[in-house]
Protein backbone atom coordinates (compact mmCIF):
# COMPACT_ATOMS: atom_id res chain seq x y z
CA MET A 1 -13.05 -14.31 -25.93
CA LYS A 2 -14.14 -13.89 -22.32
CA GLN A 3 -14.61 -10.23 -21.38
CA THR A 4 -13.47 -8.74 -18.10
CA PRO A 5 -16.48 -7.67 -16.03
CA GLN A 6 -16.95 -3.90 -15.93
CA GLU A 7 -16.18 -2.10 -12.69
CA THR A 8 -19.35 -1.41 -10.71
CA HIS A 9 -20.28 2.13 -9.65
CA SER A 10 -19.61 1.32 -6.00
CA ALA A 11 -16.22 -0.25 -6.77
CA ARG A 12 -15.19 2.80 -8.82
CA ILE A 13 -16.24 5.20 -6.08
CA ALA A 14 -14.44 3.12 -3.43
CA ARG A 15 -11.27 2.97 -5.56
CA ILE A 16 -11.18 6.73 -6.15
CA LEU A 17 -11.95 7.59 -2.53
CA ALA A 18 -9.35 5.09 -1.30
CA ASP A 19 -6.70 6.72 -3.50
CA ARG A 20 -7.60 10.15 -2.12
CA ILE A 21 -7.50 8.90 1.47
CA ILE A 22 -4.21 7.06 1.02
CA SER A 23 -2.56 10.07 -0.63
CA GLY A 24 -3.78 12.39 2.12
CA GLU A 25 -6.01 14.43 -0.20
CA ILE A 26 -8.86 13.45 2.14
CA PRO A 27 -7.25 13.80 5.60
CA PRO A 28 -7.64 11.53 8.63
CA GLY A 29 -10.78 12.32 10.59
CA ALA A 30 -12.58 13.92 7.64
CA ARG A 31 -16.28 13.15 7.32
CA LEU A 32 -17.41 11.31 4.21
CA ARG A 33 -20.64 13.07 3.33
CA GLN A 34 -22.95 10.76 1.43
CA ASP A 35 -24.95 13.54 -0.30
CA HIS A 36 -21.86 15.39 -1.50
CA ILE A 37 -20.15 12.27 -2.80
CA ALA A 38 -23.28 11.01 -4.57
CA ALA A 39 -23.62 14.38 -6.28
CA ALA A 40 -19.94 14.49 -7.23
CA PHE A 41 -20.14 11.07 -8.87
CA GLY A 42 -23.58 11.65 -10.35
CA THR A 43 -25.10 8.60 -8.71
CA SER A 44 -27.65 7.58 -6.09
CA HIS A 45 -26.89 6.96 -2.42
CA VAL A 46 -26.89 3.17 -2.83
CA PRO A 47 -23.48 2.73 -4.53
CA VAL A 48 -22.00 5.38 -2.23
CA ARG A 49 -23.09 3.41 0.86
CA GLU A 50 -21.62 0.26 -0.69
CA ALA A 51 -18.37 2.13 -1.37
CA PHE A 52 -18.25 3.30 2.26
CA ARG A 53 -18.61 -0.29 3.44
CA GLU A 54 -15.74 -1.31 1.16
CA LEU A 55 -13.56 1.47 2.61
CA GLN A 56 -14.52 0.26 6.09
CA MET A 57 -13.39 -3.28 5.21
CA GLN A 58 -10.05 -1.83 4.05
CA GLY A 59 -9.63 0.03 7.34
CA LEU A 60 -9.78 3.41 5.60
CA ALA A 61 -13.14 4.55 7.00
CA GLU A 62 -15.23 3.90 10.07
CA SER A 63 -18.91 4.18 10.86
CA GLU A 64 -20.12 6.31 13.76
CA PRO A 65 -23.65 5.78 15.15
CA ARG A 66 -26.04 8.42 13.76
CA ARG A 67 -23.12 10.37 12.29
CA GLY A 68 -22.22 8.42 9.16
CA PHE A 69 -18.68 7.61 8.04
CA ARG A 70 -15.36 9.32 8.54
CA VAL A 71 -11.78 8.63 7.49
CA THR A 72 -9.90 6.64 10.10
CA GLU A 73 -7.08 8.23 12.07
CA PHE A 74 -3.72 6.45 12.28
CA ASP A 75 -0.84 6.44 14.74
CA VAL A 76 2.51 4.76 15.30
CA ALA A 77 0.92 1.80 17.10
CA GLU A 78 -1.04 1.03 13.93
CA LEU A 79 2.11 1.46 11.83
CA ARG A 80 3.92 -1.12 13.96
CA GLU A 81 0.99 -3.51 13.69
CA VAL A 82 0.85 -3.12 9.91
CA ALA A 83 4.61 -3.61 9.58
CA GLU A 84 4.58 -6.79 11.67
CA MET A 85 1.61 -8.20 9.78
CA ARG A 86 3.24 -7.44 6.44
CA ALA A 87 6.48 -9.08 7.54
CA SER A 88 4.66 -12.30 8.45
CA LEU A 89 2.16 -12.45 5.59
CA GLU A 90 4.43 -11.31 2.76
CA SER A 91 7.14 -13.78 3.72
CA LEU A 92 4.46 -16.51 3.82
CA ALA A 93 3.25 -15.51 0.35
CA LEU A 94 6.81 -15.42 -1.02
CA ARG A 95 7.55 -18.90 0.35
CA HIS A 96 4.59 -20.26 -1.62
CA ALA A 97 5.35 -18.07 -4.65
CA ALA A 98 9.06 -18.91 -4.99
CA PRO A 99 8.63 -22.23 -6.87
CA ASN A 100 6.47 -20.42 -9.45
CA ILE A 101 8.63 -17.32 -9.98
CA THR A 102 10.07 -17.41 -13.49
CA ARG A 103 13.17 -15.76 -14.89
CA THR A 104 10.89 -13.35 -16.75
CA ILE A 105 9.27 -12.23 -13.49
CA LEU A 106 12.69 -11.62 -11.94
CA VAL A 107 13.83 -9.54 -14.91
CA GLU A 108 10.64 -7.47 -14.88
CA ALA A 109 10.85 -6.99 -11.09
CA GLU A 110 14.42 -5.71 -11.49
CA GLU A 111 13.23 -3.21 -14.08
CA VAL A 112 10.41 -2.01 -11.80
CA THR A 113 12.96 -1.48 -9.02
CA ARG A 114 15.09 0.67 -11.35
CA HIS A 115 12.04 2.79 -12.14
CA GLY A 116 11.45 3.22 -8.40
CA ASP A 117 15.05 4.30 -7.85
CA SER A 118 14.61 7.17 -10.30
CA ALA A 119 11.12 8.21 -9.14
CA SER A 120 10.77 11.97 -8.85
CA THR A 121 7.75 11.90 -6.52
CA VAL A 122 6.66 9.77 -3.57
CA ARG A 123 3.55 8.68 -5.49
CA ASP A 124 5.68 7.35 -8.37
CA TRP A 125 7.98 5.54 -5.95
CA GLU A 126 5.08 4.00 -4.04
CA ALA A 127 3.48 2.77 -7.28
CA ALA A 128 6.73 1.11 -8.37
CA ASN A 129 7.30 -0.34 -4.90
CA ARG A 130 3.82 -1.83 -4.71
CA LYS A 131 4.15 -3.25 -8.23
CA PHE A 132 7.42 -4.96 -7.24
CA HIS A 133 5.81 -6.63 -4.24
CA ARG A 134 2.80 -7.76 -6.26
CA MET A 135 5.01 -9.25 -8.98
CA ILE A 136 6.98 -11.49 -6.64
CA LEU A 137 4.02 -12.43 -4.41
CA ALA A 138 1.26 -13.05 -6.97
CA PRO A 139 2.68 -16.46 -8.01
CA CYS A 140 1.71 -17.81 -4.57
CA GLN A 141 -1.78 -18.25 -6.07
CA MET A 142 -3.48 -17.53 -2.73
CA PRO A 143 -6.12 -14.85 -3.52
CA ARG A 144 -7.36 -14.27 0.02
CA LEU A 145 -3.84 -13.81 1.34
CA LEU A 146 -3.01 -11.41 -1.50
CA ARG A 147 -6.13 -9.32 -0.82
CA THR A 148 -5.11 -8.98 2.82
CA ILE A 149 -1.59 -7.95 1.80
CA ASP A 150 -3.02 -5.36 -0.62
CA ASP A 151 -4.98 -3.78 2.24
CA LEU A 152 -1.89 -3.71 4.47
CA GLN A 153 0.19 -2.12 1.70
CA ALA A 154 -2.48 0.57 1.31
CA ALA A 155 -2.22 1.26 5.05
CA SER A 156 1.57 1.52 4.73
CA ALA A 157 1.16 3.99 1.88
CA ARG A 158 -0.82 6.36 4.12
CA PHE A 159 2.16 6.62 6.48
CA LEU A 160 4.55 6.97 3.56
CA PHE A 161 2.65 9.87 2.01
CA ALA A 162 2.20 11.56 5.39
CA ALA A 163 5.96 11.45 6.03
CA TRP A 164 7.19 12.38 2.55
CA ARG A 165 4.48 14.65 1.14
CA ARG A 166 6.68 17.75 0.93
CA ASP A 167 10.32 16.77 0.52
CA TRP A 168 10.62 13.43 -1.23
CA GLU A 169 14.18 12.12 -1.63
CA ALA A 170 15.07 9.56 -4.30
CA ARG A 171 16.50 6.31 -2.95
CA THR A 172 18.22 3.17 -4.15
CA ASP A 173 16.35 0.07 -3.03
CA HIS A 174 19.08 -2.35 -1.98
CA ALA A 175 16.56 -4.59 -0.20
CA HIS A 176 14.67 -5.34 -3.42
CA ARG A 177 17.89 -6.33 -5.12
CA ALA A 178 18.89 -8.60 -2.23
CA ILE A 179 15.51 -10.35 -2.42
CA LEU A 180 15.83 -10.85 -6.18
CA GLU A 181 19.38 -12.15 -5.86
CA ALA A 182 18.33 -14.73 -3.30
CA LEU A 183 15.42 -15.83 -5.52
CA ARG A 184 17.74 -16.20 -8.51
CA LYS A 185 19.94 -18.52 -6.46
CA GLY A 186 16.99 -20.54 -5.21
CA GLN A 187 17.63 -19.39 -1.63
CA THR A 188 13.99 -19.13 -0.57
CA ASP A 189 14.67 -18.89 3.18
CA LEU A 190 17.10 -16.04 2.62
CA ALA A 191 14.67 -14.23 0.29
CA CYS A 192 11.82 -14.54 2.80
CA ALA A 193 14.00 -13.29 5.66
CA ALA A 194 15.16 -10.31 3.57
CA LEU A 195 11.58 -9.47 2.64
CA ALA A 196 10.40 -9.70 6.27
CA ARG A 197 13.17 -7.31 7.39
CA HIS A 198 12.40 -4.98 4.50
CA VAL A 199 8.67 -4.52 5.14
CA GLY A 200 8.91 -4.91 8.92
CA TRP A 201 11.30 -1.99 9.44
CA ILE A 202 10.06 1.41 10.61
CA GLY A 203 12.08 4.36 11.84
CA LYS A 204 11.74 7.92 13.03
CA ARG A 205 12.28 10.45 10.31
CA LYS A 206 14.26 13.64 10.92
CA PRO A 207 13.02 16.82 9.22
CA ALA A 208 14.92 17.56 6.03
CA VAL A 209 14.82 21.33 6.56
CA LYS A 210 15.49 23.64 9.50
CA ASN A 211 12.57 24.87 11.59
CA ALA A 212 10.34 22.11 10.21
CA ASP A 213 7.36 20.71 12.09
CA LEU A 214 8.79 18.99 15.16
CA ARG A 215 6.02 16.42 15.44
CA GLU A 216 7.39 12.93 15.04
CA THR A 217 6.95 11.29 11.66
CA TYR A 218 7.88 7.74 10.81
CA GLU A 219 9.12 6.22 7.61
CA ILE A 220 8.96 2.74 6.13
CA SER A 221 11.35 1.12 3.69
CA GLY A 222 8.92 -0.99 1.71
């Protein structure tokens, strides 16, 4: 039986740091100190530098001349760009995936959506949401496109966690169900249009409590 290659040290470090950046545990603008991170992971500087380059490729970190790496900032202009790119690329992936989506995939995607509807935290909801999108897009069998979409979804998650870190509200995902219904009926154009609207929408979020921070925050639906 063919074994799955083990995760390299640099890939593991990049994965863990990416999760901390996306969740907001490592905030925008924070410096990524090579010595500290190497010590924390019990490794040399080499895999840490490789991990930093991977984070840079994902748009999560940036290099500054003679100052090392820091976590990238983000603003509403970037959110709009990410949303528009996701709308175009995910609908493209779904168009190619649709002929290969089986009944089993549709049933499992419906179950994932139900889990998302009952999520008690924003992290649980985001995990279910991302799993749903991967399930319906993976059958496109276009690895490069899927890697790009993964990076865009990670960028979306940063905005999601920033907006909902303190007062998450459970939601029913009607858009996911509309996409699945169109796929069941073989209505690929309708499914792609519904997906594009779903991931391309952004809106201003009103504070859920009185006297909350008045700075504008934005939410996404997918």
